[in-house]
N, C-alpha and C. Protein backbone atom coordinates (compact mmCIF):
# COMPACT_ATOMS: atom_id res chain seq x y z
N MET A 1 -24.95 -22.91 31.99
CA MET A 1 -25.04 -22.91 30.54
C MET A 1 -24.94 -21.48 29.98
N HIS A 2 -25.51 -20.51 30.69
CA HIS A 2 -25.42 -19.12 30.24
C HIS A 2 -23.99 -18.62 30.29
N THR A 3 -23.22 -19.13 31.24
CA THR A 3 -21.82 -18.72 31.37
C THR A 3 -21.03 -19.13 30.14
N MET A 4 -21.28 -20.32 29.64
CA MET A 4 -20.57 -20.80 28.46
C MET A 4 -20.95 -19.96 27.23
N LYS A 5 -22.21 -19.63 27.10
CA LYS A 5 -22.69 -18.83 25.99
C LYS A 5 -22.08 -17.42 26.07
N THR A 6 -22.05 -16.86 27.27
CA THR A 6 -21.47 -15.53 27.47
C THR A 6 -19.99 -15.54 27.13
N ARG A 7 -19.27 -16.57 27.55
CA ARG A 7 -17.85 -16.68 27.23
C ARG A 7 -17.63 -16.78 25.73
N SER A 8 -18.46 -17.53 25.06
CA SER A 8 -18.32 -17.67 23.60
C SER A 8 -18.55 -16.35 22.90
N ILE A 9 -19.55 -15.61 23.33
CA ILE A 9 -19.85 -14.32 22.72
C ILE A 9 -18.71 -13.34 22.98
N LEU A 10 -18.22 -13.31 24.21
CA LEU A 10 -17.11 -12.42 24.54
C LEU A 10 -15.85 -12.79 23.77
N SER A 11 -15.61 -14.07 23.63
CA SER A 11 -14.45 -14.54 22.88
C SER A 11 -14.54 -14.11 21.41
N LEU A 12 -15.71 -14.26 20.84
CA LEU A 12 -15.92 -13.86 19.45
C LEU A 12 -15.74 -12.35 19.29
N ALA A 13 -16.30 -11.58 20.21
CA ALA A 13 -16.18 -10.12 20.16
C ALA A 13 -14.72 -9.70 20.27
N LEU A 14 -13.98 -10.31 21.17
CA LEU A 14 -12.57 -9.99 21.34
C LEU A 14 -11.78 -10.33 20.08
N THR A 15 -12.08 -11.46 19.47
CA THR A 15 -11.41 -11.86 18.23
C THR A 15 -11.67 -10.84 17.13
N LEU A 16 -12.91 -10.39 16.99
CA LEU A 16 -13.24 -9.40 15.96
C LEU A 16 -12.52 -8.09 16.20
N VAL A 17 -12.46 -7.65 17.44
CA VAL A 17 -11.78 -6.40 17.76
C VAL A 17 -10.29 -6.51 17.45
N LEU A 18 -9.67 -7.61 17.83
CA LEU A 18 -8.24 -7.80 17.57
C LEU A 18 -7.93 -7.87 16.08
N CYS A 19 -8.78 -8.56 15.33
CA CYS A 19 -8.56 -8.67 13.88
C CYS A 19 -8.70 -7.32 13.19
N SER A 20 -9.70 -6.54 13.57
CA SER A 20 -9.88 -5.24 12.93
C SER A 20 -8.74 -4.31 13.30
N GLY A 21 -8.26 -4.40 14.53
CA GLY A 21 -7.11 -3.59 14.95
C GLY A 21 -5.85 -3.96 14.19
N ALA A 22 -5.66 -5.23 13.92
CA ALA A 22 -4.48 -5.68 13.18
C ALA A 22 -4.51 -5.17 11.74
N ALA A 23 -5.68 -5.20 11.12
CA ALA A 23 -5.81 -4.70 9.75
C ALA A 23 -5.52 -3.20 9.69
N GLU A 24 -6.02 -2.46 10.65
CA GLU A 24 -5.77 -1.02 10.69
C GLU A 24 -4.30 -0.74 10.94
N ALA A 25 -3.68 -1.50 11.81
CA ALA A 25 -2.27 -1.31 12.12
C ALA A 25 -1.40 -1.60 10.90
N LYS A 26 -1.79 -2.58 10.09
CA LYS A 26 -1.02 -2.90 8.89
C LYS A 26 -1.01 -1.72 7.94
N GLY A 27 -2.16 -1.09 7.73
CA GLY A 27 -2.24 0.08 6.86
C GLY A 27 -1.40 1.23 7.39
N LYS A 28 -1.42 1.45 8.69
CA LYS A 28 -0.63 2.51 9.29
C LYS A 28 0.86 2.20 9.20
N LYS A 29 1.21 0.92 9.34
CA LYS A 29 2.61 0.51 9.28
C LYS A 29 3.18 0.79 7.89
N GLU A 30 2.40 0.50 6.84
CA GLU A 30 2.87 0.75 5.48
C GLU A 30 3.17 2.23 5.29
N HIS A 31 2.30 3.10 5.82
CA HIS A 31 2.51 4.53 5.68
C HIS A 31 3.70 4.96 6.51
N LYS A 32 3.81 4.47 7.74
CA LYS A 32 4.90 4.87 8.63
C LYS A 32 6.25 4.42 8.09
N SER A 33 6.27 3.38 7.28
CA SER A 33 7.54 2.92 6.75
C SER A 33 8.17 3.99 5.85
N ARG A 34 7.39 4.82 5.22
CA ARG A 34 7.91 5.93 4.41
C ARG A 34 7.93 7.24 5.20
N ASP A 35 7.02 7.42 6.13
CA ASP A 35 6.92 8.64 6.92
C ASP A 35 7.85 8.55 8.12
N ALA A 36 9.15 8.76 7.87
CA ALA A 36 10.18 8.54 8.89
C ALA A 36 9.96 9.37 10.15
N ASN A 37 9.55 10.63 9.99
CA ASN A 37 9.36 11.48 11.18
C ASN A 37 7.93 11.42 11.72
N GLN A 38 7.11 10.62 11.12
CA GLN A 38 5.72 10.37 11.55
C GLN A 38 4.91 11.65 11.75
N ASP A 39 5.04 12.57 10.78
CA ASP A 39 4.26 13.81 10.85
C ASP A 39 2.97 13.72 10.03
N GLY A 40 2.71 12.55 9.43
CA GLY A 40 1.50 12.37 8.64
C GLY A 40 1.68 12.73 7.18
N LEU A 41 2.87 13.22 6.82
CA LEU A 41 3.19 13.59 5.44
C LEU A 41 4.45 12.85 5.02
N VAL A 42 4.55 12.55 3.73
CA VAL A 42 5.74 11.90 3.21
C VAL A 42 6.48 12.92 2.35
N SER A 43 7.66 13.34 2.81
CA SER A 43 8.46 14.31 2.06
C SER A 43 9.16 13.61 0.90
N ALA A 44 9.73 14.39 0.01
CA ALA A 44 10.46 13.82 -1.11
C ALA A 44 11.63 12.98 -0.61
N ASP A 45 12.35 13.48 0.40
CA ASP A 45 13.48 12.72 0.94
C ASP A 45 13.02 11.37 1.51
N GLU A 46 11.91 11.39 2.23
CA GLU A 46 11.37 10.15 2.80
C GLU A 46 10.95 9.19 1.69
N PHE A 47 10.31 9.72 0.67
CA PHE A 47 9.81 8.90 -0.44
C PHE A 47 10.97 8.29 -1.22
N LEU A 48 12.05 9.04 -1.38
CA LEU A 48 13.17 8.59 -2.20
C LEU A 48 14.17 7.72 -1.44
N ALA A 49 14.07 7.67 -0.14
CA ALA A 49 15.03 6.92 0.67
C ALA A 49 15.02 5.44 0.29
N ASN A 50 16.20 4.90 0.08
CA ASN A 50 16.42 3.47 -0.20
C ASN A 50 15.70 2.96 -1.45
N ARG A 51 15.59 3.77 -2.46
CA ARG A 51 14.97 3.35 -3.72
C ARG A 51 16.03 2.81 -4.67
N LYS A 52 15.67 1.77 -5.42
CA LYS A 52 16.59 1.20 -6.41
C LYS A 52 16.79 2.17 -7.58
N HIS A 53 15.71 2.84 -7.96
CA HIS A 53 15.73 3.75 -9.11
C HIS A 53 15.25 5.13 -8.67
N PRO A 54 16.13 5.92 -8.02
CA PRO A 54 15.71 7.21 -7.49
C PRO A 54 15.19 8.18 -8.54
N ASP A 55 15.70 8.12 -9.76
CA ASP A 55 15.22 9.03 -10.81
C ASP A 55 13.76 8.75 -11.14
N LYS A 56 13.43 7.46 -11.27
CA LYS A 56 12.04 7.09 -11.54
C LYS A 56 11.15 7.43 -10.36
N ALA A 57 11.65 7.16 -9.15
CA ALA A 57 10.87 7.46 -7.95
C ALA A 57 10.61 8.95 -7.81
N LYS A 58 11.59 9.76 -8.18
CA LYS A 58 11.42 11.22 -8.11
C LYS A 58 10.33 11.67 -9.08
N ALA A 59 10.31 11.11 -10.27
CA ALA A 59 9.28 11.46 -11.24
C ALA A 59 7.89 11.04 -10.73
N VAL A 60 7.81 9.88 -10.10
CA VAL A 60 6.55 9.40 -9.54
C VAL A 60 6.10 10.35 -8.43
N PHE A 61 7.04 10.73 -7.56
CA PHE A 61 6.72 11.64 -6.45
C PHE A 61 6.19 12.97 -6.99
N GLU A 62 6.89 13.53 -7.95
CA GLU A 62 6.49 14.84 -8.50
C GLU A 62 5.11 14.78 -9.13
N LYS A 63 4.81 13.67 -9.78
CA LYS A 63 3.49 13.52 -10.40
C LYS A 63 2.41 13.35 -9.33
N ALA A 64 2.73 12.62 -8.26
CA ALA A 64 1.76 12.36 -7.19
C ALA A 64 1.51 13.60 -6.33
N ASP A 65 2.49 14.50 -6.25
CA ASP A 65 2.38 15.71 -5.41
C ASP A 65 1.50 16.74 -6.14
N ALA A 66 0.21 16.51 -6.08
CA ALA A 66 -0.75 17.31 -6.85
C ALA A 66 -0.70 18.80 -6.52
N ASN A 67 -0.53 19.15 -5.25
CA ASN A 67 -0.53 20.57 -4.88
C ASN A 67 0.88 21.17 -4.87
N LYS A 68 1.87 20.40 -5.27
CA LYS A 68 3.26 20.83 -5.44
C LYS A 68 3.84 21.48 -4.19
N ASP A 69 3.51 20.91 -3.01
CA ASP A 69 4.06 21.45 -1.76
C ASP A 69 5.29 20.67 -1.29
N GLY A 70 5.73 19.69 -2.08
CA GLY A 70 6.92 18.93 -1.74
C GLY A 70 6.67 17.80 -0.74
N GLN A 71 5.39 17.52 -0.47
CA GLN A 71 5.03 16.46 0.47
C GLN A 71 3.79 15.76 -0.04
N LEU A 72 3.67 14.48 0.30
CA LEU A 72 2.47 13.73 -0.06
C LEU A 72 1.58 13.61 1.16
N ASP A 73 0.37 14.17 1.06
CA ASP A 73 -0.59 14.03 2.15
C ASP A 73 -1.42 12.76 1.90
N LYS A 74 -2.35 12.49 2.78
CA LYS A 74 -3.11 11.24 2.70
C LYS A 74 -3.86 11.09 1.36
N PRO A 75 -4.60 12.11 0.88
CA PRO A 75 -5.29 11.94 -0.40
C PRO A 75 -4.33 11.70 -1.57
N GLU A 76 -3.17 12.36 -1.55
CA GLU A 76 -2.20 12.16 -2.62
C GLU A 76 -1.62 10.75 -2.58
N ARG A 77 -1.36 10.23 -1.38
CA ARG A 77 -0.86 8.86 -1.26
C ARG A 77 -1.91 7.86 -1.71
N LYS A 78 -3.16 8.14 -1.38
CA LYS A 78 -4.25 7.25 -1.77
C LYS A 78 -4.37 7.19 -3.30
N THR A 79 -4.27 8.35 -3.95
CA THR A 79 -4.31 8.41 -5.41
C THR A 79 -3.13 7.66 -6.01
N LEU A 80 -1.96 7.84 -5.41
CA LEU A 80 -0.76 7.15 -5.88
C LEU A 80 -0.93 5.65 -5.77
N LYS A 81 -1.48 5.19 -4.67
CA LYS A 81 -1.69 3.76 -4.46
C LYS A 81 -2.66 3.19 -5.50
N LYS A 82 -3.76 3.91 -5.75
CA LYS A 82 -4.73 3.46 -6.76
C LYS A 82 -4.08 3.41 -8.14
N HIS A 83 -3.31 4.43 -8.46
CA HIS A 83 -2.66 4.53 -9.76
C HIS A 83 -1.68 3.37 -9.94
N GLY A 84 -0.94 3.04 -8.89
CA GLY A 84 0.01 1.93 -8.95
C GLY A 84 -0.66 0.60 -9.20
N LYS A 85 -1.79 0.35 -8.53
CA LYS A 85 -2.51 -0.91 -8.72
C LYS A 85 -3.09 -0.99 -10.12
N LYS A 86 -3.57 0.13 -10.63
CA LYS A 86 -4.20 0.16 -11.94
C LYS A 86 -3.21 -0.22 -13.03
N HIS A 87 -1.95 0.20 -12.86
CA HIS A 87 -0.95 -0.03 -13.90
C HIS A 87 -0.05 -1.23 -13.64
N ALA A 88 -0.25 -1.92 -12.55
CA ALA A 88 0.59 -3.08 -12.22
C ALA A 88 0.49 -4.16 -13.28
N GLY A 89 -0.71 -4.41 -13.79
CA GLY A 89 -0.90 -5.43 -14.82
C GLY A 89 -0.21 -5.06 -16.11
N LYS A 90 -0.22 -3.79 -16.46
CA LYS A 90 0.44 -3.34 -17.69
C LYS A 90 1.94 -3.51 -17.60
N LYS A 91 2.51 -3.32 -16.40
CA LYS A 91 3.95 -3.52 -16.23
C LYS A 91 4.31 -4.97 -16.48
N GLY A 92 3.50 -5.89 -15.99
CA GLY A 92 3.76 -7.31 -16.19
C GLY A 92 3.74 -7.67 -17.67
N GLU A 93 2.79 -7.10 -18.40
CA GLU A 93 2.70 -7.36 -19.83
C GLU A 93 3.92 -6.78 -20.55
N ALA A 94 4.34 -5.58 -20.15
CA ALA A 94 5.50 -4.95 -20.79
C ALA A 94 6.77 -5.76 -20.54
N ARG A 95 6.94 -6.28 -19.33
CA ARG A 95 8.11 -7.10 -19.02
C ARG A 95 8.11 -8.37 -19.85
N ALA A 96 6.94 -8.96 -20.01
CA ALA A 96 6.85 -10.19 -20.80
C ALA A 96 7.23 -9.93 -22.25
N LYS A 97 6.81 -8.80 -22.79
CA LYS A 97 7.15 -8.47 -24.17
C LYS A 97 8.65 -8.24 -24.32
N GLN A 98 9.26 -7.60 -23.30
CA GLN A 98 10.71 -7.37 -23.35
C GLN A 98 11.47 -8.69 -23.37
N LYS A 99 10.94 -9.69 -22.70
CA LYS A 99 11.59 -10.99 -22.64
C LYS A 99 11.23 -11.85 -23.84
N GLY A 100 10.39 -11.32 -24.73
CA GLY A 100 10.02 -12.05 -25.93
C GLY A 100 8.87 -13.01 -25.75
N GLY A 101 8.19 -12.92 -24.66
CA GLY A 101 7.07 -13.82 -24.42
C GLY A 101 5.78 -13.07 -24.21
N LYS A 102 4.78 -13.79 -23.82
CA LYS A 102 3.49 -13.21 -23.52
C LYS A 102 3.18 -13.44 -22.06
N LYS A 103 2.31 -12.63 -21.53
CA LYS A 103 1.89 -12.82 -20.15
C LYS A 103 1.20 -14.17 -20.04
N LYS A 104 1.57 -14.95 -19.03
CA LYS A 104 1.00 -16.29 -18.89
C LYS A 104 -0.49 -16.23 -18.58
N GLN A 105 -1.21 -17.09 -19.22
CA GLN A 105 -2.64 -17.20 -19.00
C GLN A 105 -2.91 -18.39 -18.09
N LYS A 106 -3.86 -18.27 -17.20
CA LYS A 106 -4.24 -19.41 -16.36
C LYS A 106 -5.01 -20.40 -17.23
N THR A 107 -4.72 -21.66 -17.00
CA THR A 107 -5.43 -22.71 -17.74
C THR A 107 -6.19 -23.58 -16.76
N ASN A 108 -7.31 -24.07 -17.21
CA ASN A 108 -8.09 -25.00 -16.40
C ASN A 108 -7.69 -26.41 -16.78
N GLY A 109 -7.08 -27.10 -15.86
CA GLY A 109 -6.75 -28.46 -16.20
C GLY A 109 -5.61 -28.93 -15.52
């Protein structure tokens, strides 16, 4: 009976370790997708690569590059990510106004 309990505990522990590792890997993967040379910094060229609107992306990069060294370090990327999430809702509202409508409201029913 102790063997079954031990196996259950070990199985649970292994599952937790694997899940936490997967979450960490996802965050690293998102950063690595822009950090082509994997030096821990995102250069302007890396940031602008394959962008639909390079002029807008360049302006975003320049604003995010707080110390003006031409690269985004981890704190600058973190600030950029927070800034993007904060304004995502406003973009949706602006697009709705351009289309002549309002942002859809959830209804109960």
